[in-house]
């Protein structure tokens, strides 16, 4: 298994902003993060459309071309309501990792990804070096829903013994 792994990405699901109302006056949102066959979930935050999760989920990266999918749901007793989805391309993050930047000053922005029709970015996303790690702050606009954004922070994790990027 380790032979195909190029690294890990820690996905910190920071918060949701102005999420859709799916219950009487609010929602009980949680996020499902998918990549390939992997599926991870945040915890449910009750009665809010502006949840603060700060949940850290770790994805194993075998093919950086596979997008990270996000689905937001409202937790209900029987069937959870969909509250939008988004997709994130991590190839830009991997390109910066491939640069093997050593000794770069903390918080140096290496690359910026701008919103376009092919991505779900709500605003420009910076890929930067922090404490020797490659990180990316992302705000994704949810699709297939009337409103809502999800804020993420990605961090690349090298795995000793993997083939790397």
N, C-alpha and C. Protein backbone atom coordinates (compact mmCIF):
# COMPACT_ATOMS: atom_id res chain seq x y z
N UNK A 1 0.82 -1.20 0.00
CA UNK A 1 0.00 0.00 0.00
C UNK A 1 0.86 1.25 0.00
N UNK A 2 1.91 1.27 0.83
CA UNK A 2 2.73 2.47 0.95
C UNK A 2 3.43 2.83 -0.36
N UNK A 3 3.61 1.86 -1.24
CA UNK A 3 4.29 2.12 -2.50
C UNK A 3 3.56 3.10 -3.39
N UNK A 4 2.22 3.14 -3.29
CA UNK A 4 1.43 4.01 -4.16
C UNK A 4 1.16 5.37 -3.52
N UNK A 5 1.45 5.50 -2.24
CA UNK A 5 1.14 6.73 -1.52
C UNK A 5 2.17 7.80 -1.85
N UNK A 6 1.71 9.00 -2.17
CA UNK A 6 2.66 10.10 -2.41
C UNK A 6 2.75 11.03 -1.20
N UNK A 7 1.79 10.95 -0.31
CA UNK A 7 1.80 11.77 0.90
C UNK A 7 0.43 11.82 1.51
N UNK A 8 0.31 12.64 2.54
CA UNK A 8 -0.96 12.85 3.22
C UNK A 8 -1.32 14.32 3.17
N UNK A 9 -2.59 14.60 3.17
CA UNK A 9 -3.05 15.98 3.31
C UNK A 9 -3.96 16.05 4.53
N UNK A 10 -3.54 16.89 5.48
CA UNK A 10 -4.41 17.15 6.63
C UNK A 10 -5.40 18.22 6.19
N UNK A 11 -6.67 17.89 6.27
CA UNK A 11 -7.73 18.83 5.91
C UNK A 11 -8.38 19.30 7.20
N UNK A 12 -8.13 20.55 7.57
CA UNK A 12 -8.81 21.12 8.74
C UNK A 12 -10.07 21.80 8.24
N UNK A 13 -11.23 21.23 8.59
CA UNK A 13 -12.50 21.86 8.24
C UNK A 13 -12.74 22.91 9.33
N UNK A 14 -12.46 24.17 8.98
CA UNK A 14 -12.46 25.24 9.98
C UNK A 14 -13.89 25.63 10.36
N UNK A 15 -14.65 26.12 9.36
CA UNK A 15 -16.01 26.60 9.68
C UNK A 15 -16.87 26.64 8.44
N UNK A 16 -18.16 26.75 8.68
CA UNK A 16 -19.12 27.00 7.63
C UNK A 16 -19.65 28.42 7.82
N UNK A 17 -19.91 29.10 6.71
CA UNK A 17 -20.39 30.48 6.77
C UNK A 17 -21.70 30.59 6.00
N UNK A 18 -22.73 31.09 6.67
CA UNK A 18 -24.02 31.36 6.02
C UNK A 18 -24.57 30.13 5.31
N UNK A 19 -24.54 28.98 6.00
CA UNK A 19 -25.06 27.76 5.40
C UNK A 19 -26.58 27.82 5.31
N UNK A 20 -27.12 26.99 4.47
CA UNK A 20 -28.57 26.98 4.23
C UNK A 20 -29.33 26.49 5.47
N UNK A 21 -30.53 27.03 5.65
CA UNK A 21 -31.43 26.58 6.72
C UNK A 21 -32.19 25.35 6.22
N UNK A 22 -32.13 24.25 6.96
CA UNK A 22 -32.81 23.03 6.55
C UNK A 22 -33.82 22.54 7.59
N UNK A 23 -33.74 23.07 8.80
CA UNK A 23 -34.74 22.75 9.81
C UNK A 23 -35.64 23.97 9.96
N UNK A 24 -36.31 24.11 11.08
CA UNK A 24 -37.25 25.21 11.23
C UNK A 24 -36.59 26.58 11.05
N UNK A 25 -35.56 26.85 11.86
CA UNK A 25 -34.88 28.14 11.77
C UNK A 25 -33.38 28.00 11.58
N UNK A 26 -32.89 26.79 11.60
CA UNK A 26 -31.45 26.58 11.58
C UNK A 26 -31.13 25.25 10.90
N UNK A 27 -29.95 24.72 11.18
CA UNK A 27 -29.54 23.42 10.66
C UNK A 27 -28.60 22.78 11.67
N UNK A 28 -28.34 21.48 11.49
CA UNK A 28 -27.39 20.74 12.31
C UNK A 28 -26.32 20.19 11.35
N UNK A 29 -25.42 21.07 10.88
CA UNK A 29 -24.53 20.68 9.77
C UNK A 29 -23.34 19.82 10.16
N UNK A 30 -22.93 18.99 9.18
CA UNK A 30 -21.66 18.28 9.23
C UNK A 30 -21.15 18.16 7.81
N UNK A 31 -19.85 17.88 7.67
CA UNK A 31 -19.22 17.82 6.35
C UNK A 31 -18.67 16.42 6.12
N UNK A 32 -18.90 15.91 4.91
CA UNK A 32 -18.29 14.65 4.47
C UNK A 32 -17.21 15.02 3.45
N UNK A 33 -15.98 14.55 3.70
CA UNK A 33 -14.87 14.79 2.79
C UNK A 33 -14.56 13.47 2.10
N UNK A 34 -14.53 13.51 0.76
CA UNK A 34 -14.26 12.28 -0.01
C UNK A 34 -13.09 12.50 -0.96
N UNK A 35 -12.32 11.43 -1.14
CA UNK A 35 -11.29 11.41 -2.17
C UNK A 35 -11.09 9.96 -2.58
N UNK A 36 -11.41 9.66 -3.83
CA UNK A 36 -11.34 8.27 -4.26
C UNK A 36 -12.27 7.43 -3.40
N UNK A 37 -11.73 6.38 -2.77
CA UNK A 37 -12.54 5.50 -1.92
C UNK A 37 -12.60 5.97 -0.47
N UNK A 38 -11.85 7.03 -0.15
CA UNK A 38 -11.83 7.52 1.23
C UNK A 38 -13.04 8.41 1.51
N UNK A 39 -13.57 8.26 2.72
CA UNK A 39 -14.72 9.07 3.14
C UNK A 39 -14.56 9.38 4.62
N UNK A 40 -14.45 10.67 4.95
CA UNK A 40 -14.27 11.11 6.33
C UNK A 40 -15.34 12.13 6.67
N UNK A 41 -15.69 12.21 7.97
CA UNK A 41 -16.77 13.12 8.39
C UNK A 41 -16.33 13.99 9.56
N UNK A 42 -16.87 15.21 9.59
CA UNK A 42 -16.71 16.05 10.77
C UNK A 42 -17.80 15.67 11.77
N UNK A 43 -17.73 16.28 12.94
CA UNK A 43 -18.82 16.07 13.90
C UNK A 43 -19.99 16.98 13.52
N UNK A 44 -21.14 16.71 14.08
CA UNK A 44 -22.35 17.51 13.83
C UNK A 44 -22.34 18.68 14.82
N UNK A 45 -22.59 19.89 14.31
CA UNK A 45 -22.74 21.06 15.18
C UNK A 45 -24.23 21.42 15.17
N UNK A 46 -24.84 21.41 16.34
CA UNK A 46 -26.29 21.59 16.44
C UNK A 46 -26.72 23.05 16.29
N UNK A 47 -27.88 23.21 15.63
CA UNK A 47 -28.62 24.47 15.57
C UNK A 47 -27.79 25.70 15.19
N UNK A 48 -27.14 25.64 14.04
CA UNK A 48 -26.39 26.80 13.55
C UNK A 48 -26.24 26.75 12.04
N UNK A 49 -26.15 27.92 11.43
CA UNK A 49 -25.80 27.99 10.01
C UNK A 49 -24.39 28.56 9.84
N UNK A 50 -23.71 28.79 10.98
CA UNK A 50 -22.31 29.25 10.98
C UNK A 50 -21.49 28.38 11.93
N UNK A 51 -21.38 27.08 11.62
CA UNK A 51 -20.69 26.16 12.53
C UNK A 51 -19.18 26.38 12.57
N UNK A 52 -18.59 26.16 13.74
CA UNK A 52 -17.14 26.18 13.92
C UNK A 52 -16.72 24.75 14.22
N UNK A 53 -16.16 24.04 13.25
CA UNK A 53 -15.76 22.65 13.49
C UNK A 53 -14.33 22.56 14.01
N UNK A 54 -13.40 23.10 13.24
CA UNK A 54 -11.97 22.93 13.52
C UNK A 54 -11.60 21.46 13.63
N UNK A 55 -12.27 20.62 12.85
CA UNK A 55 -11.99 19.18 12.83
C UNK A 55 -10.88 18.90 11.82
N UNK A 56 -9.92 18.07 12.22
CA UNK A 56 -8.83 17.73 11.30
C UNK A 56 -9.02 16.31 10.78
N UNK A 57 -9.09 16.20 9.46
CA UNK A 57 -9.26 14.92 8.79
C UNK A 57 -8.04 14.70 7.91
N UNK A 58 -7.54 13.47 7.84
CA UNK A 58 -6.33 13.21 7.06
C UNK A 58 -6.64 12.29 5.88
N UNK A 59 -6.31 12.76 4.69
CA UNK A 59 -6.49 11.98 3.46
C UNK A 59 -5.16 11.43 2.99
N UNK A 60 -5.16 10.18 2.54
CA UNK A 60 -3.98 9.58 1.90
C UNK A 60 -4.04 9.94 0.42
N UNK A 61 -2.94 10.48 -0.09
CA UNK A 61 -2.91 10.92 -1.49
C UNK A 61 -2.14 9.91 -2.33
N UNK A 62 -2.86 9.28 -3.26
CA UNK A 62 -2.22 8.37 -4.20
C UNK A 62 -2.09 9.04 -5.56
N UNK A 63 -3.13 9.77 -5.96
CA UNK A 63 -3.14 10.48 -7.24
C UNK A 63 -3.63 11.90 -7.00
N UNK A 64 -2.70 12.89 -7.02
CA UNK A 64 -3.08 14.27 -6.75
C UNK A 64 -4.08 14.84 -7.76
N UNK A 65 -4.26 14.18 -8.90
CA UNK A 65 -5.21 14.67 -9.90
C UNK A 65 -6.66 14.39 -9.49
N UNK A 66 -6.85 13.48 -8.51
CA UNK A 66 -8.21 13.19 -8.04
C UNK A 66 -8.64 14.33 -7.12
N UNK A 67 -9.77 14.98 -7.43
CA UNK A 67 -10.19 16.11 -6.59
C UNK A 67 -10.72 15.65 -5.23
N UNK A 68 -10.63 16.56 -4.27
CA UNK A 68 -11.22 16.33 -2.95
C UNK A 68 -12.66 16.83 -3.03
N UNK A 69 -13.61 15.97 -2.68
CA UNK A 69 -15.01 16.36 -2.72
C UNK A 69 -15.52 16.67 -1.32
N UNK A 70 -16.37 17.67 -1.21
CA UNK A 70 -16.99 18.02 0.07
C UNK A 70 -18.49 17.99 -0.10
N UNK A 71 -19.18 17.41 0.85
CA UNK A 71 -20.64 17.44 0.86
C UNK A 71 -21.05 17.88 2.25
N UNK A 72 -21.97 18.84 2.31
CA UNK A 72 -22.46 19.32 3.60
C UNK A 72 -23.89 18.81 3.78
N UNK A 73 -24.17 18.30 4.98
CA UNK A 73 -25.49 17.75 5.28
C UNK A 73 -26.03 18.33 6.58
N UNK A 74 -27.34 18.31 6.68
CA UNK A 74 -28.05 18.65 7.91
C UNK A 74 -28.46 17.32 8.56
N UNK A 75 -27.99 17.08 9.78
CA UNK A 75 -28.29 15.82 10.48
C UNK A 75 -29.75 15.82 10.91
N UNK A 76 -30.47 14.79 10.49
CA UNK A 76 -31.87 14.63 10.88
C UNK A 76 -32.07 13.23 11.42
N UNK A 77 -33.24 12.99 11.96
CA UNK A 77 -33.53 11.69 12.58
C UNK A 77 -33.49 10.56 11.55
N UNK A 78 -34.11 10.79 10.38
CA UNK A 78 -34.22 9.70 9.41
C UNK A 78 -33.30 9.91 8.21
N UNK A 79 -33.55 10.96 7.45
CA UNK A 79 -32.74 11.21 6.25
C UNK A 79 -32.07 12.57 6.39
N UNK A 80 -30.75 12.60 6.24
CA UNK A 80 -30.02 13.86 6.34
C UNK A 80 -30.20 14.67 5.06
N UNK A 81 -30.50 15.97 5.23
CA UNK A 81 -30.72 16.85 4.08
C UNK A 81 -29.41 17.34 3.50
N UNK A 82 -29.32 17.37 2.17
CA UNK A 82 -28.14 17.93 1.51
C UNK A 82 -28.13 19.44 1.67
N UNK A 83 -26.95 19.99 1.93
CA UNK A 83 -26.78 21.44 2.10
C UNK A 83 -25.69 21.97 1.17
N UNK A 84 -25.47 21.29 0.05
CA UNK A 84 -24.49 21.77 -0.92
C UNK A 84 -23.25 20.91 -0.98
N UNK A 85 -22.46 21.15 -2.01
CA UNK A 85 -21.23 20.38 -2.20
C UNK A 85 -20.20 21.27 -2.89
N UNK A 86 -18.96 20.81 -2.88
CA UNK A 86 -17.88 21.55 -3.54
C UNK A 86 -16.78 20.56 -3.87
N UNK A 87 -15.89 20.98 -4.76
CA UNK A 87 -14.76 20.15 -5.15
C UNK A 87 -13.50 21.00 -5.07
N UNK A 88 -12.41 20.36 -4.68
CA UNK A 88 -11.15 21.08 -4.52
C UNK A 88 -10.05 20.32 -5.25
N UNK A 89 -9.34 21.02 -6.10
CA UNK A 89 -8.21 20.47 -6.83
C UNK A 89 -6.95 20.72 -6.00
N UNK A 90 -6.23 19.66 -5.63
CA UNK A 90 -5.03 19.86 -4.80
C UNK A 90 -3.73 19.86 -5.62
N UNK A 91 -3.85 19.88 -6.95
CA UNK A 91 -2.63 19.83 -7.76
C UNK A 91 -1.71 21.03 -7.53
N UNK A 92 -2.28 22.21 -7.29
CA UNK A 92 -1.44 23.40 -7.03
C UNK A 92 -0.65 23.22 -5.74
N UNK A 93 -1.30 22.65 -4.73
CA UNK A 93 -0.61 22.38 -3.45
C UNK A 93 0.55 21.42 -3.69
N UNK A 94 0.31 20.37 -4.47
CA UNK A 94 1.34 19.36 -4.75
C UNK A 94 2.49 19.97 -5.56
N UNK A 95 2.17 20.89 -6.49
CA UNK A 95 3.23 21.57 -7.27
C UNK A 95 4.18 22.32 -6.34
N UNK A 96 3.64 22.98 -5.33
CA UNK A 96 4.49 23.71 -4.38
C UNK A 96 5.32 22.74 -3.55
N UNK A 97 4.73 21.61 -3.15
CA UNK A 97 5.48 20.59 -2.40
C UNK A 97 6.65 20.09 -3.24
N UNK A 98 6.42 19.91 -4.55
CA UNK A 98 7.47 19.41 -5.45
C UNK A 98 8.66 20.36 -5.56
N UNK A 99 8.45 21.63 -5.25
CA UNK A 99 9.53 22.61 -5.34
C UNK A 99 10.61 22.37 -4.28
N UNK A 100 10.28 21.56 -3.27
CA UNK A 100 11.23 21.22 -2.19
C UNK A 100 11.86 22.50 -1.63
N UNK A 101 11.03 23.41 -1.20
CA UNK A 101 11.51 24.69 -0.69
C UNK A 101 12.10 24.52 0.70
N UNK A 102 13.38 24.80 0.82
CA UNK A 102 14.07 24.70 2.11
C UNK A 102 14.45 26.11 2.56
N UNK A 103 14.39 26.36 3.83
CA UNK A 103 14.86 27.63 4.38
C UNK A 103 14.07 28.85 3.93
N UNK A 104 12.83 28.65 3.52
CA UNK A 104 11.98 29.77 3.12
C UNK A 104 11.41 30.41 4.39
N UNK A 105 11.37 31.73 4.41
CA UNK A 105 10.85 32.44 5.58
C UNK A 105 9.41 32.03 5.86
N UNK A 106 9.08 31.98 7.16
CA UNK A 106 7.74 31.61 7.58
C UNK A 106 6.70 32.53 6.95
N UNK A 107 5.55 31.94 6.60
CA UNK A 107 4.42 32.67 6.02
C UNK A 107 4.72 33.31 4.66
N UNK A 108 5.71 32.76 3.95
CA UNK A 108 5.98 33.20 2.58
C UNK A 108 4.93 32.57 1.66
N UNK A 109 4.21 33.43 0.92
CA UNK A 109 3.23 32.92 -0.04
C UNK A 109 3.98 32.50 -1.30
N UNK A 110 3.84 31.23 -1.67
CA UNK A 110 4.56 30.67 -2.81
C UNK A 110 3.71 30.75 -4.08
N UNK A 111 2.41 30.55 -3.91
CA UNK A 111 1.53 30.52 -5.08
C UNK A 111 0.14 30.96 -4.66
N UNK A 112 -0.58 31.58 -5.60
CA UNK A 112 -1.98 31.93 -5.34
C UNK A 112 -2.84 31.26 -6.39
N UNK A 113 -3.97 30.73 -5.94
CA UNK A 113 -4.93 30.11 -6.85
C UNK A 113 -6.14 31.03 -6.88
N UNK A 114 -6.53 31.45 -8.09
CA UNK A 114 -7.65 32.38 -8.20
C UNK A 114 -8.94 31.64 -8.55
N UNK A 115 -10.06 32.17 -8.08
CA UNK A 115 -11.35 31.55 -8.42
C UNK A 115 -11.60 31.59 -9.92
N UNK A 116 -12.18 30.53 -10.46
CA UNK A 116 -12.59 30.52 -11.87
C UNK A 116 -13.76 29.55 -12.02
N UNK A 117 -14.23 29.39 -13.22
CA UNK A 117 -15.41 28.53 -13.44
C UNK A 117 -15.11 27.06 -13.22
N UNK A 118 -13.84 26.68 -13.23
CA UNK A 118 -13.49 25.27 -13.05
C UNK A 118 -13.32 24.90 -11.57
N UNK A 119 -13.26 25.89 -10.68
CA UNK A 119 -13.11 25.53 -9.27
C UNK A 119 -14.23 26.16 -8.44
N UNK A 120 -14.28 25.79 -7.19
CA UNK A 120 -15.35 26.27 -6.29
C UNK A 120 -14.84 27.36 -5.35
N UNK A 121 -13.66 27.92 -5.65
CA UNK A 121 -13.10 28.92 -4.76
C UNK A 121 -13.99 30.16 -4.69
N UNK A 122 -14.22 30.64 -3.47
CA UNK A 122 -15.01 31.86 -3.27
C UNK A 122 -14.11 33.08 -3.31
N UNK A 123 -12.81 32.87 -3.04
CA UNK A 123 -11.85 33.96 -3.06
C UNK A 123 -10.48 33.38 -3.36
N UNK A 124 -9.51 34.28 -3.61
CA UNK A 124 -8.15 33.84 -3.91
C UNK A 124 -7.61 32.99 -2.76
N UNK A 125 -6.92 31.92 -3.10
CA UNK A 125 -6.40 30.98 -2.10
C UNK A 125 -4.88 31.00 -2.13
N UNK A 126 -4.27 31.25 -0.97
CA UNK A 126 -2.81 31.32 -0.89
C UNK A 126 -2.23 29.97 -0.45
N UNK A 127 -1.16 29.56 -1.15
CA UNK A 127 -0.37 28.40 -0.73
C UNK A 127 0.92 28.97 -0.17
N UNK A 128 1.24 28.63 1.07
CA UNK A 128 2.35 29.28 1.75
C UNK A 128 3.12 28.28 2.61
N UNK A 129 4.27 28.74 3.09
CA UNK A 129 5.11 27.93 3.97
C UNK A 129 4.91 28.43 5.39
N UNK A 130 4.61 27.51 6.30
CA UNK A 130 4.45 27.86 7.71
C UNK A 130 5.11 26.77 8.55
N UNK A 131 6.09 27.15 9.36
CA UNK A 131 6.83 26.19 10.20
C UNK A 131 7.39 25.04 9.36
N UNK A 132 7.87 25.38 8.16
CA UNK A 132 8.47 24.38 7.28
C UNK A 132 7.47 23.49 6.56
N UNK A 133 6.18 23.72 6.75
CA UNK A 133 5.13 22.90 6.11
C UNK A 133 4.45 23.71 5.01
N UNK A 134 4.02 22.99 3.95
CA UNK A 134 3.26 23.63 2.88
C UNK A 134 1.79 23.60 3.28
N UNK A 135 1.18 24.81 3.33
CA UNK A 135 -0.22 24.93 3.73
C UNK A 135 -1.00 25.73 2.70
N UNK A 136 -2.31 25.55 2.72
CA UNK A 136 -3.18 26.31 1.82
C UNK A 136 -4.47 26.63 2.56
N UNK A 137 -4.84 27.91 2.56
CA UNK A 137 -6.12 28.33 3.13
C UNK A 137 -7.12 28.43 1.98
N UNK A 138 -8.29 27.85 2.18
CA UNK A 138 -9.27 27.75 1.10
C UNK A 138 -10.66 28.14 1.61
N UNK A 139 -11.37 28.95 0.82
CA UNK A 139 -12.78 29.20 1.07
C UNK A 139 -13.54 28.69 -0.15
N UNK A 140 -14.38 27.68 0.05
CA UNK A 140 -15.12 27.07 -1.06
C UNK A 140 -16.58 27.52 -1.03
N UNK A 141 -17.08 27.93 -2.18
CA UNK A 141 -18.50 28.26 -2.32
C UNK A 141 -19.23 26.96 -2.63
N UNK A 142 -20.27 26.69 -1.87
CA UNK A 142 -21.03 25.45 -2.08
C UNK A 142 -21.90 25.55 -3.32
N UNK A 143 -22.00 24.42 -4.03
CA UNK A 143 -22.84 24.33 -5.23
C UNK A 143 -24.14 23.62 -4.87
N UNK A 144 -25.11 23.72 -5.78
CA UNK A 144 -26.40 23.02 -5.66
C UNK A 144 -27.14 23.39 -4.38
N UNK A 145 -26.99 24.66 -3.96
CA UNK A 145 -27.65 25.15 -2.75
C UNK A 145 -27.77 26.66 -2.86
N UNK A 146 -28.70 27.23 -2.09
CA UNK A 146 -28.93 28.68 -2.22
C UNK A 146 -27.81 29.54 -1.64
N UNK A 147 -27.08 29.04 -0.62
CA UNK A 147 -26.01 29.85 -0.05
C UNK A 147 -25.07 28.96 0.76
N UNK A 148 -23.93 29.52 1.13
CA UNK A 148 -23.01 28.83 2.02
C UNK A 148 -21.60 28.69 1.49
N UNK A 149 -20.66 28.80 2.43
CA UNK A 149 -19.24 28.61 2.14
C UNK A 149 -18.62 27.76 3.24
N UNK A 150 -17.57 27.05 2.88
CA UNK A 150 -16.82 26.24 3.84
C UNK A 150 -15.37 26.70 3.80
N UNK A 151 -14.80 26.96 4.99
CA UNK A 151 -13.40 27.35 5.09
C UNK A 151 -12.57 26.14 5.52
N UNK A 152 -11.47 25.93 4.78
CA UNK A 152 -10.57 24.81 5.05
C UNK A 152 -9.14 25.31 5.17
N UNK A 153 -8.33 24.53 5.85
CA UNK A 153 -6.89 24.73 5.77
C UNK A 153 -6.28 23.37 5.46
N UNK A 154 -5.48 23.33 4.39
CA UNK A 154 -4.81 22.09 4.00
C UNK A 154 -3.36 22.15 4.44
N UNK A 155 -2.82 21.00 4.82
CA UNK A 155 -1.40 20.92 5.13
C UNK A 155 -0.85 19.61 4.57
N UNK A 156 0.23 19.72 3.80
CA UNK A 156 0.86 18.54 3.23
C UNK A 156 1.71 17.85 4.28
N UNK A 157 1.67 16.51 4.31
CA UNK A 157 2.49 15.73 5.22
C UNK A 157 3.27 14.72 4.39
N UNK A 158 4.61 14.83 4.43
CA UNK A 158 5.44 13.84 3.75
C UNK A 158 5.45 12.56 4.57
N UNK A 159 5.51 11.43 3.88
CA UNK A 159 5.59 10.14 4.58
C UNK A 159 6.96 9.54 4.31
N UNK A 160 7.73 9.30 5.36
CA UNK A 160 9.02 8.63 5.16
C UNK A 160 8.78 7.26 4.53
N UNK A 161 9.54 6.95 3.50
CA UNK A 161 9.40 5.65 2.85
C UNK A 161 8.43 5.63 1.70
N UNK A 162 7.66 6.72 1.51
CA UNK A 162 6.75 6.75 0.35
C UNK A 162 7.53 7.25 -0.85
N UNK A 163 6.93 7.12 -2.03
CA UNK A 163 7.66 7.56 -3.23
C UNK A 163 7.70 9.08 -3.35
N UNK A 164 6.88 9.77 -2.53
CA UNK A 164 6.89 11.24 -2.54
C UNK A 164 6.39 11.80 -3.84
N UNK A 165 6.40 13.12 -3.92
CA UNK A 165 5.91 13.78 -5.14
C UNK A 165 7.05 14.30 -5.97
